[in-house]
Amino acid sequence: MAEEFLPGKCEGYPPVSFVIFEFDARGYTPVIIDLLAAKNMFDVLIPLLAHEFHHYYRNQMLVRNNISRELKPLFWVVDQVHCEGVADLIDKRPEIVKGNPQMNAYCQMVKEAPNYLSFFDESLQKMEKDPEKIQKKGQELRENLPQSGHPVGYYMSSLILNQLGRDRIISEVNDPLQFFKTYLEAEKKAGHERTLSMDAVNIMEELLENAVTPIQAF
């Protein structure tokens, strides 16, 4: 299931630890799943594991250069939106979450994702060259990002999937900066009212151009 949005077959399996921490899971190394959550997830446990496995494999494909302190909050937002958005295509599909009342809040946040993207756009365009102000604006974006990027990322990745196809998502799975540019293309093709401007994306790319260097084009 994880390989559906990854380039080719993956070698080896991520280590998984079942621990007691909170009703959640994390795509660390090892992948961790809360023991009580695993016990109560039943048929959605496998898609959740696939979601976390996707993080594990995808993160191995990124080259992250040293990121300056002032840019870390902004990079965190961009990276989270990308990695969670694509992985959510695995375990947040309508056929999987249908009838699950716990997903109601998530679905509502997906609908409200354009509001955050507008805020993201406005914040980027207000960023100045002053490192202290860049860090402050980046921190504001981080603090206001709903559910660590899941709903905003899913909104963006599902639009890309519907408009440009799965192969496009896979080809850029190691490049979070390109993900935002591709979203602009998908938004234009869908004929949607703009939620994100090219000016904002260019600013983001200029600030973070050395944060991620794709290993290769798939």
N, C-alpha and C. Protein backbone atom coordinates (compact mmCIF):
# COMPACT_ATOMS: atom_id res chain seq x y z
N MET A 1 0.84 -1.21 0.00
CA MET A 1 0.00 0.00 0.00
C MET A 1 0.87 1.25 0.00
N ALA A 2 1.96 1.24 0.73
CA ALA A 2 2.88 2.39 0.76
C ALA A 2 3.51 2.61 -0.61
N GLU A 3 3.81 1.51 -1.31
CA GLU A 3 4.48 1.59 -2.61
C GLU A 3 3.60 2.20 -3.69
N GLU A 4 2.29 2.30 -3.44
CA GLU A 4 1.40 2.88 -4.44
C GLU A 4 1.79 4.32 -4.75
N PHE A 5 2.38 5.01 -3.77
CA PHE A 5 2.80 6.39 -3.98
C PHE A 5 4.31 6.55 -3.78
N LEU A 6 5.04 5.52 -4.19
CA LEU A 6 6.50 5.54 -4.15
C LEU A 6 7.03 5.01 -5.48
N PRO A 7 8.25 5.41 -5.86
CA PRO A 7 8.81 4.97 -7.14
C PRO A 7 9.39 3.56 -7.06
N GLY A 8 8.65 2.57 -7.51
CA GLY A 8 9.16 1.21 -7.57
C GLY A 8 9.05 0.46 -6.26
N LYS A 9 9.66 -0.71 -6.24
CA LYS A 9 9.63 -1.58 -5.06
C LYS A 9 10.59 -1.06 -4.00
N CYS A 10 10.18 -1.21 -2.76
CA CYS A 10 11.01 -0.77 -1.64
C CYS A 10 11.76 -1.97 -1.07
N GLU A 11 12.98 -1.74 -0.66
CA GLU A 11 13.79 -2.81 -0.10
C GLU A 11 13.76 -2.76 1.43
N GLY A 12 13.49 -3.90 2.01
CA GLY A 12 13.49 -3.97 3.46
C GLY A 12 12.22 -3.41 4.07
N TYR A 13 11.97 -3.77 5.32
CA TYR A 13 10.78 -3.29 6.02
C TYR A 13 11.20 -2.40 7.18
N PRO A 14 10.44 -1.33 7.41
CA PRO A 14 10.75 -0.48 8.57
C PRO A 14 10.54 -1.26 9.86
N PRO A 15 11.40 -1.07 10.86
CA PRO A 15 11.13 -1.67 12.17
C PRO A 15 9.90 -0.99 12.78
N VAL A 16 9.11 -1.76 13.50
CA VAL A 16 7.88 -1.23 14.13
C VAL A 16 7.91 -1.56 15.61
N SER A 17 7.63 -0.56 16.43
CA SER A 17 7.52 -0.77 17.88
C SER A 17 6.13 -0.38 18.34
N PHE A 18 5.52 -1.25 19.14
CA PHE A 18 4.24 -0.94 19.76
C PHE A 18 4.51 -0.47 21.19
N VAL A 19 4.17 0.78 21.45
CA VAL A 19 4.46 1.37 22.75
C VAL A 19 3.20 2.06 23.28
N ILE A 20 3.26 2.52 24.49
CA ILE A 20 2.14 3.25 25.08
C ILE A 20 2.55 4.72 25.18
N PHE A 21 1.90 5.59 24.40
CA PHE A 21 2.21 7.02 24.49
C PHE A 21 0.97 7.89 24.31
N GLU A 22 0.23 7.74 23.23
CA GLU A 22 -1.04 8.40 23.03
C GLU A 22 -1.73 7.69 21.87
N PHE A 23 -2.99 7.97 21.63
CA PHE A 23 -3.76 7.23 20.63
C PHE A 23 -3.35 7.72 19.23
N ASP A 24 -2.18 7.26 18.78
CA ASP A 24 -1.62 7.80 17.55
C ASP A 24 -0.50 6.89 17.05
N ALA A 25 0.14 7.33 15.97
CA ALA A 25 1.29 6.62 15.40
C ALA A 25 2.27 7.64 14.88
N ARG A 26 3.54 7.24 14.71
CA ARG A 26 4.57 8.15 14.22
C ARG A 26 5.46 7.41 13.22
N GLY A 27 5.80 8.12 12.13
CA GLY A 27 6.65 7.53 11.10
C GLY A 27 8.12 7.74 11.36
N TYR A 28 8.56 7.44 12.58
CA TYR A 28 9.97 7.58 12.93
C TYR A 28 10.71 6.30 12.52
N THR A 29 11.95 6.19 12.99
CA THR A 29 12.71 4.94 12.86
C THR A 29 13.09 4.50 14.26
N PRO A 30 12.42 3.49 14.82
CA PRO A 30 11.38 2.69 14.17
C PRO A 30 10.04 3.43 14.10
N VAL A 31 9.16 2.92 13.23
CA VAL A 31 7.76 3.37 13.24
C VAL A 31 7.18 2.98 14.59
N ILE A 32 6.45 3.88 15.22
CA ILE A 32 5.84 3.54 16.50
C ILE A 32 4.33 3.64 16.41
N ILE A 33 3.65 2.69 17.03
CA ILE A 33 2.20 2.64 17.09
C ILE A 33 1.80 2.49 18.55
N ASP A 34 0.88 3.32 18.98
CA ASP A 34 0.39 3.19 20.34
C ASP A 34 -0.33 1.85 20.49
N LEU A 35 -0.04 1.14 21.55
CA LEU A 35 -0.55 -0.21 21.74
C LEU A 35 -2.08 -0.24 21.81
N LEU A 36 -2.66 0.69 22.56
CA LEU A 36 -4.12 0.73 22.68
C LEU A 36 -4.76 1.11 21.35
N ALA A 37 -4.12 2.04 20.63
CA ALA A 37 -4.64 2.44 19.32
C ALA A 37 -4.64 1.25 18.37
N ALA A 38 -3.54 0.49 18.36
CA ALA A 38 -3.46 -0.68 17.48
C ALA A 38 -4.54 -1.69 17.81
N LYS A 39 -4.80 -1.89 19.10
CA LYS A 39 -5.79 -2.86 19.54
C LYS A 39 -7.19 -2.48 19.06
N ASN A 40 -7.47 -1.16 18.99
CA ASN A 40 -8.82 -0.71 18.67
C ASN A 40 -9.01 -0.28 17.22
N MET A 41 -7.98 -0.36 16.41
CA MET A 41 -8.10 0.11 15.03
C MET A 41 -8.66 -0.94 14.08
N PHE A 42 -8.51 -2.18 14.40
CA PHE A 42 -9.06 -3.27 13.58
C PHE A 42 -8.63 -3.12 12.12
N ASP A 43 -9.59 -2.92 11.20
CA ASP A 43 -9.30 -2.94 9.78
C ASP A 43 -8.56 -1.72 9.27
N VAL A 44 -8.44 -0.65 10.08
CA VAL A 44 -7.70 0.52 9.60
C VAL A 44 -6.24 0.51 10.06
N LEU A 45 -5.84 -0.51 10.81
CA LEU A 45 -4.46 -0.59 11.28
C LEU A 45 -3.49 -0.75 10.11
N ILE A 46 -3.82 -1.59 9.15
CA ILE A 46 -2.93 -1.82 8.02
C ILE A 46 -2.74 -0.55 7.19
N PRO A 47 -3.82 0.17 6.82
CA PRO A 47 -3.60 1.44 6.11
C PRO A 47 -2.78 2.45 6.92
N LEU A 48 -2.98 2.48 8.24
CA LEU A 48 -2.20 3.39 9.07
C LEU A 48 -0.71 3.02 9.04
N LEU A 49 -0.42 1.73 9.13
CA LEU A 49 0.98 1.29 9.04
C LEU A 49 1.57 1.67 7.68
N ALA A 50 0.77 1.51 6.61
CA ALA A 50 1.24 1.88 5.27
C ALA A 50 1.54 3.37 5.20
N HIS A 51 0.71 4.17 5.85
CA HIS A 51 0.94 5.62 5.92
C HIS A 51 2.30 5.91 6.56
N GLU A 52 2.56 5.27 7.70
CA GLU A 52 3.83 5.51 8.40
C GLU A 52 5.01 4.92 7.63
N PHE A 53 4.79 3.79 6.96
CA PHE A 53 5.85 3.21 6.12
C PHE A 53 6.22 4.17 4.99
N HIS A 54 5.21 4.85 4.44
CA HIS A 54 5.47 5.81 3.37
C HIS A 54 6.42 6.90 3.86
N HIS A 55 6.20 7.40 5.07
CA HIS A 55 7.11 8.40 5.64
C HIS A 55 8.54 7.83 5.70
N TYR A 56 8.64 6.61 6.18
CA TYR A 56 9.95 5.97 6.36
C TYR A 56 10.72 5.91 5.04
N TYR A 57 10.06 5.45 3.99
CA TYR A 57 10.73 5.32 2.69
C TYR A 57 10.96 6.68 2.04
N ARG A 58 9.96 7.54 2.10
CA ARG A 58 10.06 8.86 1.46
C ARG A 58 11.19 9.68 2.07
N ASN A 59 11.33 9.62 3.39
CA ASN A 59 12.36 10.42 4.04
C ASN A 59 13.77 9.98 3.67
N GLN A 60 13.92 8.72 3.28
CA GLN A 60 15.23 8.24 2.84
C GLN A 60 15.61 8.79 1.46
N MET A 61 14.64 9.31 0.75
CA MET A 61 14.87 9.83 -0.60
C MET A 61 15.21 11.32 -0.60
N LEU A 62 15.07 11.98 0.54
CA LEU A 62 15.34 13.40 0.63
C LEU A 62 16.80 13.66 1.01
N VAL A 63 17.35 14.70 0.44
CA VAL A 63 18.65 15.19 0.89
C VAL A 63 18.39 16.53 1.56
N ARG A 64 18.60 16.59 2.86
CA ARG A 64 18.35 17.84 3.57
C ARG A 64 19.69 18.47 3.95
N ASN A 65 19.97 19.60 3.38
CA ASN A 65 21.18 20.32 3.73
C ASN A 65 20.98 21.02 5.07
N ASN A 66 22.04 21.59 5.58
CA ASN A 66 21.91 22.32 6.83
C ASN A 66 20.94 23.49 6.66
N ILE A 67 19.91 23.50 7.48
CA ILE A 67 18.89 24.53 7.39
C ILE A 67 19.13 25.54 8.49
N SER A 68 19.22 26.79 8.12
CA SER A 68 19.49 27.83 9.12
C SER A 68 18.34 27.91 10.12
N ARG A 69 18.67 28.39 11.29
CA ARG A 69 17.70 28.46 12.37
C ARG A 69 16.44 29.23 11.98
N GLU A 70 16.61 30.35 11.28
CA GLU A 70 15.45 31.18 10.95
C GLU A 70 14.52 30.52 9.94
N LEU A 71 15.04 29.56 9.16
CA LEU A 71 14.22 28.92 8.13
C LEU A 71 13.59 27.61 8.59
N LYS A 72 14.00 27.09 9.73
CA LYS A 72 13.49 25.80 10.19
C LYS A 72 11.97 25.76 10.34
N PRO A 73 11.32 26.77 10.93
CA PRO A 73 9.85 26.71 11.05
C PRO A 73 9.15 26.66 9.70
N LEU A 74 9.61 27.47 8.74
CA LEU A 74 8.99 27.46 7.40
C LEU A 74 9.22 26.13 6.72
N PHE A 75 10.46 25.61 6.79
CA PHE A 75 10.73 24.33 6.15
C PHE A 75 9.89 23.22 6.78
N TRP A 76 9.71 23.26 8.08
CA TRP A 76 8.90 22.25 8.77
C TRP A 76 7.48 22.24 8.20
N VAL A 77 6.90 23.42 8.00
CA VAL A 77 5.54 23.52 7.46
C VAL A 77 5.47 22.93 6.06
N VAL A 78 6.40 23.34 5.19
CA VAL A 78 6.40 22.87 3.81
C VAL A 78 6.58 21.36 3.74
N ASP A 79 7.51 20.84 4.53
CA ASP A 79 7.79 19.41 4.54
C ASP A 79 6.61 18.61 5.10
N GLN A 80 6.02 19.10 6.18
CA GLN A 80 4.89 18.40 6.79
C GLN A 80 3.69 18.33 5.86
N VAL A 81 3.37 19.45 5.23
CA VAL A 81 2.23 19.48 4.32
C VAL A 81 2.42 18.46 3.20
N HIS A 82 3.64 18.38 2.68
CA HIS A 82 3.92 17.43 1.60
C HIS A 82 3.87 15.99 2.09
N CYS A 83 4.64 15.67 3.13
CA CYS A 83 4.75 14.26 3.52
C CYS A 83 3.43 13.72 4.06
N GLU A 84 2.71 14.52 4.86
CA GLU A 84 1.44 14.04 5.40
C GLU A 84 0.36 14.00 4.33
N GLY A 85 0.39 14.98 3.44
CA GLY A 85 -0.62 15.03 2.38
C GLY A 85 -0.58 13.82 1.48
N VAL A 86 0.62 13.44 1.04
CA VAL A 86 0.75 12.27 0.16
C VAL A 86 0.43 10.99 0.93
N ALA A 87 0.94 10.86 2.15
CA ALA A 87 0.67 9.64 2.94
C ALA A 87 -0.82 9.51 3.28
N ASP A 88 -1.50 10.63 3.43
CA ASP A 88 -2.93 10.58 3.73
C ASP A 88 -3.75 10.04 2.55
N LEU A 89 -3.18 10.07 1.35
CA LEU A 89 -3.85 9.45 0.20
C LEU A 89 -3.98 7.95 0.40
N ILE A 90 -3.15 7.40 1.28
CA ILE A 90 -3.18 5.95 1.54
C ILE A 90 -4.28 5.58 2.53
N ASP A 91 -4.36 6.30 3.65
CA ASP A 91 -5.27 5.86 4.72
C ASP A 91 -6.43 6.81 5.01
N LYS A 92 -6.57 7.90 4.23
CA LYS A 92 -7.69 8.81 4.45
C LYS A 92 -8.66 8.81 3.27
N ARG A 93 -8.58 7.80 2.45
CA ARG A 93 -9.48 7.73 1.29
C ARG A 93 -10.93 7.60 1.76
N PRO A 94 -11.87 8.11 0.98
CA PRO A 94 -13.28 8.05 1.38
C PRO A 94 -13.75 6.64 1.72
N GLU A 95 -13.31 5.64 0.96
CA GLU A 95 -13.78 4.28 1.21
C GLU A 95 -13.23 3.71 2.51
N ILE A 96 -12.13 4.27 3.01
CA ILE A 96 -11.54 3.81 4.27
C ILE A 96 -12.15 4.52 5.47
N VAL A 97 -12.36 5.82 5.34
CA VAL A 97 -12.84 6.61 6.49
C VAL A 97 -14.36 6.70 6.55
N LYS A 98 -15.05 6.20 5.52
CA LYS A 98 -16.51 6.30 5.48
C LYS A 98 -17.14 5.68 6.73
N GLY A 99 -18.02 6.43 7.35
CA GLY A 99 -18.73 5.93 8.52
C GLY A 99 -17.96 6.05 9.82
N ASN A 100 -16.74 6.58 9.78
CA ASN A 100 -15.95 6.74 10.98
C ASN A 100 -16.18 8.15 11.54
N PRO A 101 -16.92 8.26 12.65
CA PRO A 101 -17.25 9.59 13.18
C PRO A 101 -16.03 10.37 13.63
N GLN A 102 -14.92 9.66 13.92
CA GLN A 102 -13.70 10.33 14.35
C GLN A 102 -13.07 11.15 13.22
N MET A 103 -13.51 10.88 11.98
CA MET A 103 -12.95 11.58 10.83
C MET A 103 -13.73 12.84 10.47
N ASN A 104 -14.83 13.11 11.16
CA ASN A 104 -15.66 14.27 10.83
C ASN A 104 -14.87 15.58 10.95
N ALA A 105 -14.13 15.71 12.04
CA ALA A 105 -13.35 16.93 12.25
C ALA A 105 -12.27 17.08 11.18
N TYR A 106 -11.64 15.96 10.83
CA TYR A 106 -10.61 15.99 9.79
C TYR A 106 -11.20 16.44 8.46
N CYS A 107 -12.33 15.87 8.09
CA CYS A 107 -12.97 16.20 6.81
C CYS A 107 -13.34 17.68 6.76
N GLN A 108 -13.78 18.22 7.90
CA GLN A 108 -14.12 19.64 7.95
C GLN A 108 -12.87 20.49 7.75
N MET A 109 -11.75 20.06 8.34
CA MET A 109 -10.50 20.81 8.19
C MET A 109 -9.99 20.74 6.75
N VAL A 110 -10.24 19.64 6.07
CA VAL A 110 -9.86 19.55 4.65
C VAL A 110 -10.63 20.60 3.84
N LYS A 111 -11.92 20.75 4.15
CA LYS A 111 -12.72 21.76 3.45
C LYS A 111 -12.22 23.17 3.72
N GLU A 112 -11.65 23.36 4.91
CA GLU A 112 -11.18 24.70 5.28
C GLU A 112 -9.72 24.94 4.89
N ALA A 113 -9.10 23.97 4.24
CA ALA A 113 -7.68 24.09 3.87
C ALA A 113 -7.38 25.34 3.04
N PRO A 114 -8.26 25.76 2.10
CA PRO A 114 -7.96 26.98 1.34
C PRO A 114 -7.73 28.21 2.23
N ASN A 115 -8.37 28.24 3.40
CA ASN A 115 -8.17 29.37 4.31
C ASN A 115 -6.73 29.41 4.79
N TYR A 116 -6.17 28.24 5.12
CA TYR A 116 -4.77 28.22 5.57
C TYR A 116 -3.84 28.57 4.42
N LEU A 117 -4.14 28.07 3.23
CA LEU A 117 -3.27 28.36 2.08
C LEU A 117 -3.25 29.86 1.79
N SER A 118 -4.38 30.53 1.98
CA SER A 118 -4.42 31.98 1.81
C SER A 118 -3.56 32.67 2.87
N PHE A 119 -3.62 32.14 4.09
CA PHE A 119 -2.80 32.67 5.18
C PHE A 119 -1.32 32.43 4.89
N PHE A 120 -1.01 31.25 4.37
CA PHE A 120 0.36 30.90 3.97
C PHE A 120 0.86 31.87 2.92
N ASP A 121 0.02 32.14 1.93
CA ASP A 121 0.37 33.07 0.85
C ASP A 121 0.66 34.46 1.40
N GLU A 122 -0.24 34.94 2.22
CA GLU A 122 -0.10 36.29 2.79
C GLU A 122 1.15 36.41 3.65
N SER A 123 1.42 35.37 4.45
CA SER A 123 2.58 35.39 5.34
C SER A 123 3.88 35.41 4.55
N LEU A 124 3.96 34.60 3.49
CA LEU A 124 5.17 34.56 2.68
C LEU A 124 5.44 35.91 2.02
N GLN A 125 4.40 36.53 1.55
CA GLN A 125 4.59 37.80 0.85
C GLN A 125 4.96 38.92 1.80
N LYS A 126 4.73 38.69 3.10
CA LYS A 126 5.11 39.69 4.10
C LYS A 126 6.49 39.43 4.68
N MET A 127 7.08 38.29 4.34
CA MET A 127 8.40 37.97 4.87
C MET A 127 9.45 38.93 4.31
N GLU A 128 10.28 39.44 5.19
CA GLU A 128 11.34 40.33 4.79
C GLU A 128 12.68 39.60 4.87
N LYS A 129 13.71 40.25 4.41
CA LYS A 129 15.03 39.62 4.40
C LYS A 129 15.58 39.43 5.81
N ASP A 130 15.05 40.16 6.76
CA ASP A 130 15.52 40.08 8.14
C ASP A 130 15.32 38.67 8.68
N PRO A 131 16.40 37.95 9.03
CA PRO A 131 16.27 36.57 9.52
C PRO A 131 15.33 36.43 10.71
N GLU A 132 15.34 37.42 11.60
CA GLU A 132 14.49 37.34 12.78
C GLU A 132 13.01 37.38 12.39
N LYS A 133 12.67 38.20 11.41
CA LYS A 133 11.28 38.31 10.96
C LYS A 133 10.87 37.07 10.17
N ILE A 134 11.80 36.51 9.41
CA ILE A 134 11.51 35.27 8.68
C ILE A 134 11.17 34.15 9.67
N GLN A 135 11.97 34.06 10.73
CA GLN A 135 11.72 33.03 11.72
C GLN A 135 10.37 33.25 12.42
N LYS A 136 10.05 34.49 12.73
CA LYS A 136 8.79 34.81 13.42
C LYS A 136 7.59 34.43 12.55
N LYS A 137 7.62 34.81 11.28
CA LYS A 137 6.53 34.47 10.36
C LYS A 137 6.43 32.96 10.16
N GLY A 138 7.58 32.31 10.06
CA GLY A 138 7.58 30.85 9.92
C GLY A 138 6.97 30.18 11.13
N GLN A 139 7.28 30.70 12.30
CA GLN A 139 6.71 30.14 13.53
C GLN A 139 5.21 30.33 13.58
N GLU A 140 4.72 31.47 13.11
CA GLU A 140 3.27 31.70 13.04
C GLU A 140 2.60 30.69 12.11
N LEU A 141 3.24 30.43 10.99
CA LEU A 141 2.69 29.44 10.05
C LEU A 141 2.66 28.06 10.70
N ARG A 142 3.70 27.73 11.43
CA ARG A 142 3.75 26.42 12.10
C ARG A 142 2.67 26.30 13.16
N GLU A 143 2.52 27.32 13.96
CA GLU A 143 1.55 27.28 15.07
C GLU A 143 0.11 27.23 14.57
N ASN A 144 -0.14 27.74 13.38
CA ASN A 144 -1.51 27.78 12.85
C ASN A 144 -1.81 26.65 11.87
N LEU A 145 -0.83 25.77 11.63
CA LEU A 145 -1.04 24.66 10.69
C LEU A 145 -1.92 23.59 11.33
N PRO A 146 -3.11 23.32 10.81
CA PRO A 146 -4.01 22.34 11.43
C PRO A 146 -3.44 20.92 11.37
N GLN A 147 -3.52 20.21 12.47
CA GLN A 147 -3.15 18.80 12.57
C GLN A 147 -1.81 18.47 11.89
N SER A 148 -0.83 19.30 12.18
CA SER A 148 0.55 19.06 11.67
C SER A 148 0.61 18.88 10.15
N GLY A 149 -0.33 19.48 9.43
CA GLY A 149 -0.26 19.47 7.97
C GLY A 149 -1.14 18.44 7.28
N HIS A 150 -1.75 17.53 8.02
CA HIS A 150 -2.55 16.47 7.39
C HIS A 150 -3.67 17.01 6.48
N PRO A 151 -4.63 17.79 7.00
CA PRO A 151 -5.75 18.19 6.15
C PRO A 151 -5.36 19.10 5.00
N VAL A 152 -4.43 20.03 5.23
CA VAL A 152 -3.99 20.92 4.15
C VAL A 152 -3.26 20.10 3.08
N GLY A 153 -2.38 19.21 3.52
CA GLY A 153 -1.65 18.37 2.58
C GLY A 153 -2.56 17.46 1.78
N TYR A 154 -3.57 16.90 2.45
CA TYR A 154 -4.50 16.01 1.74
C TYR A 154 -5.30 16.78 0.70
N TYR A 155 -5.71 17.98 1.07
CA TYR A 155 -6.44 18.83 0.12
C TYR A 155 -5.61 19.07 -1.14
N MET A 156 -4.34 19.38 -0.94
CA MET A 156 -3.46 19.66 -2.07
C MET A 156 -3.13 18.41 -2.87
N SER A 157 -2.77 17.34 -2.17
CA SER A 157 -2.35 16.12 -2.88
C SER A 157 -3.52 15.45 -3.60
N SER A 158 -4.71 15.52 -3.03
CA SER A 158 -5.86 14.91 -3.71
C SER A 158 -6.22 15.69 -4.97
N LEU A 159 -6.04 17.01 -4.94
CA LEU A 159 -6.29 17.80 -6.15
C LEU A 159 -5.26 17.45 -7.22
N ILE A 160 -4.00 17.32 -6.82
CA ILE A 160 -2.95 16.92 -7.78
C ILE A 160 -3.27 15.54 -8.36
N LEU A 161 -3.67 14.61 -7.49
CA LEU A 161 -4.00 13.26 -7.94
C LEU A 161 -5.13 13.28 -8.96
N ASN A 162 -6.17 14.04 -8.67
CA ASN A 162 -7.34 14.07 -9.55
C ASN A 162 -7.07 14.79 -10.86
N GLN A 163 -6.21 15.80 -10.83
CA GLN A 163 -5.99 16.61 -12.03
C GLN A 163 -4.78 16.16 -12.85
N LEU A 164 -3.73 15.68 -12.18
CA LEU A 164 -2.48 15.38 -12.88
C LEU A 164 -2.06 13.92 -12.81
N GLY A 165 -2.69 13.16 -11.90
CA GLY A 165 -2.44 11.73 -11.85
C GLY A 165 -1.41 11.28 -10.82
N ARG A 166 -1.46 9.99 -10.50
CA ARG A 166 -0.60 9.40 -9.49
C ARG A 166 0.89 9.47 -9.86
N ASP A 167 1.19 9.28 -11.14
CA ASP A 167 2.59 9.29 -11.56
C ASP A 167 3.26 10.63 -11.26
N ARG A 168 2.50 11.70 -11.33
CA ARG A 168 3.07 13.03 -11.05
C ARG A 168 3.43 13.13 -9.58
N ILE A 169 2.59 12.63 -8.71
CA ILE A 169 2.89 12.65 -7.27
C ILE A 169 4.14 11.82 -6.99
N ILE A 170 4.23 10.65 -7.60
CA ILE A 170 5.37 9.77 -7.38
C ILE A 170 6.66 10.42 -7.88
N SER A 171 6.61 11.06 -9.02
CA SER A 171 7.83 11.63 -9.62
C SER A 171 8.42 12.75 -8.76
N GLU A 172 7.59 13.33 -7.88
CA GLU A 172 8.06 14.45 -7.06
C GLU A 172 7.99 14.15 -5.57
N VAL A 173 7.93 12.86 -5.24
CA VAL A 173 7.72 12.47 -3.85
C VAL A 173 8.91 12.85 -2.96
N ASN A 174 10.06 13.12 -3.56
CA ASN A 174 11.24 13.49 -2.77
C ASN A 174 11.50 15.00 -2.76
N ASP A 175 10.53 15.79 -3.24
CA ASP A 175 10.77 17.23 -3.38
C ASP A 175 9.56 18.04 -2.90
N PRO A 176 9.53 18.42 -1.63
CA PRO A 176 8.39 19.17 -1.09
C PRO A 176 8.21 20.55 -1.72
N LEU A 177 9.29 21.16 -2.20
CA LEU A 177 9.15 22.47 -2.83
C LEU A 177 8.40 22.34 -4.16
N GLN A 178 8.72 21.31 -4.92
CA GLN A 178 8.05 21.09 -6.20
C GLN A 178 6.58 20.76 -5.99
N PHE A 179 6.26 20.12 -4.87
CA PHE A 179 4.87 19.77 -4.55
C PHE A 179 3.99 21.01 -4.57
N PHE A 180 4.47 22.11 -4.02
CA PHE A 180 3.68 23.34 -3.99
C PHE A 180 3.52 23.92 -5.39
N LYS A 181 4.55 23.85 -6.19
CA LYS A 181 4.46 24.35 -7.56
C LYS A 181 3.49 23.49 -8.39
N THR A 182 3.53 22.19 -8.16
CA THR A 182 2.62 21.29 -8.87
C THR A 182 1.17 21.53 -8.45
N TYR A 183 0.98 21.86 -7.19
CA TYR A 183 -0.36 22.20 -6.72
C TYR A 183 -0.92 23.38 -7.50
N LEU A 184 -0.09 24.40 -7.75
CA LEU A 184 -0.55 25.55 -8.54
C LEU A 184 -1.03 25.11 -9.92
N GLU A 185 -0.29 24.18 -10.51
CA GLU A 185 -0.67 23.66 -11.83
C GLU A 185 -2.00 22.92 -11.77
N ALA A 186 -2.18 22.11 -10.73
CA ALA A 186 -3.43 21.35 -10.57
C ALA A 186 -4.60 22.29 -10.31
N GLU A 187 -4.37 23.32 -9.53
CA GLU A 187 -5.42 24.29 -9.21
C GLU A 187 -5.86 25.02 -10.48
N LYS A 188 -4.90 25.38 -11.30
CA LYS A 188 -5.23 26.06 -12.55
C LYS A 188 -6.00 25.15 -13.49
N LYS A 189 -5.56 23.90 -13.58
CA LYS A 189 -6.24 22.95 -14.47
C LYS A 189 -7.67 22.68 -14.01
N ALA A 190 -7.88 22.68 -12.69
CA ALA A 190 -9.21 22.43 -12.15
C ALA A 190 -10.13 23.64 -12.30
N GLY A 191 -9.54 24.79 -12.61
CA GLY A 191 -10.33 26.00 -12.75
C GLY A 191 -10.79 26.58 -11.42
N HIS A 192 -10.07 26.23 -10.35
CA HIS A 192 -10.43 26.72 -9.02
C HIS A 192 -9.95 28.16 -8.84
N GLU A 193 -10.65 28.85 -7.96
CA GLU A 193 -10.17 30.17 -7.56
C GLU A 193 -8.84 30.01 -6.83
N ARG A 194 -7.89 30.86 -7.15
CA ARG A 194 -6.54 30.73 -6.60
C ARG A 194 -6.53 30.84 -5.07
N THR A 195 -5.88 29.88 -4.41
CA THR A 195 -5.67 29.96 -2.97
C THR A 195 -4.21 30.27 -2.65
N LEU A 196 -3.36 30.14 -3.67
CA LEU A 196 -1.92 30.32 -3.50
C LEU A 196 -1.38 30.98 -4.76
N SER A 197 -0.55 31.99 -4.59
CA SER A 197 -0.03 32.72 -5.74
C SER A 197 1.36 32.21 -6.13
N MET A 198 1.71 32.42 -7.37
CA MET A 198 3.05 32.07 -7.83
C MET A 198 4.09 32.92 -7.13
N ASP A 199 3.74 34.18 -6.83
CA ASP A 199 4.68 35.05 -6.12
C ASP A 199 5.07 34.44 -4.77
N ALA A 200 4.08 33.94 -4.03
CA ALA A 200 4.35 33.35 -2.72
C ALA A 200 5.21 32.10 -2.86
N VAL A 201 4.89 31.26 -3.84
CA VAL A 201 5.65 30.04 -4.05
C VAL A 201 7.10 30.36 -4.45
N ASN A 202 7.28 31.39 -5.26
CA ASN A 202 8.63 31.80 -5.64
C ASN A 202 9.43 32.28 -4.44
N ILE A 203 8.77 33.01 -3.54
CA ILE A 203 9.43 33.46 -2.32
C ILE A 203 9.85 32.27 -1.48
N MET A 204 8.92 31.31 -1.32
CA MET A 204 9.20 30.09 -0.57
C MET A 204 10.39 29.36 -1.17
N GLU A 205 10.40 29.23 -2.48
CA GLU A 205 11.47 28.50 -3.16
C GLU A 205 12.81 29.22 -3.01
N GLU A 206 12.77 30.55 -3.09
CA GLU A 206 14.01 31.32 -2.95
C GLU A 206 14.59 31.16 -1.54
N LEU A 207 13.71 31.15 -0.55
CA LEU A 207 14.17 31.03 0.83
C LEU A 207 14.72 29.63 1.12
N LEU A 208 14.06 28.61 0.54
CA LEU A 208 14.37 27.23 0.91
C LEU A 208 15.13 26.46 -0.18
N GLU A 209 15.64 27.14 -1.18
CA GLU A 209 16.22 26.45 -2.33
C GLU A 209 17.34 25.48 -1.95
N ASN A 210 18.04 25.74 -0.86
CA ASN A 210 19.11 24.85 -0.45
C ASN A 210 18.70 23.89 0.67
N ALA A 211 17.42 23.95 1.06
CA ALA A 211 16.96 23.09 2.16
C ALA A 211 16.81 21.65 1.71
N VAL A 212 16.33 21.45 0.48
CA VAL A 212 16.13 20.10 -0.03
C VAL A 212 16.68 20.01 -1.44
N THR A 213 17.56 19.09 -1.67
CA THR A 213 18.07 18.82 -3.00
C THR A 213 17.65 17.40 -3.38
N PRO A 214 16.73 17.26 -4.34
CA PRO A 214 16.30 15.91 -4.72
C PRO A 214 17.48 15.04 -5.14
N ILE A 215 17.47 13.79 -4.71
CA ILE A 215 18.54 12.85 -5.04
C ILE A 215 18.55 12.59 -6.55
N GLN A 216 17.36 12.39 -7.10
CA GLN A 216 17.27 12.07 -8.51
C GLN A 216 15.84 12.31 -8.98
N ALA A 217 15.67 12.37 -10.29
CA ALA A 217 14.33 12.44 -10.85
C ALA A 217 13.90 11.02 -11.15
N PHE A 218 12.72 10.65 -10.69
CA PHE A 218 12.27 9.26 -10.86
C PHE A 218 11.63 9.07 -12.22
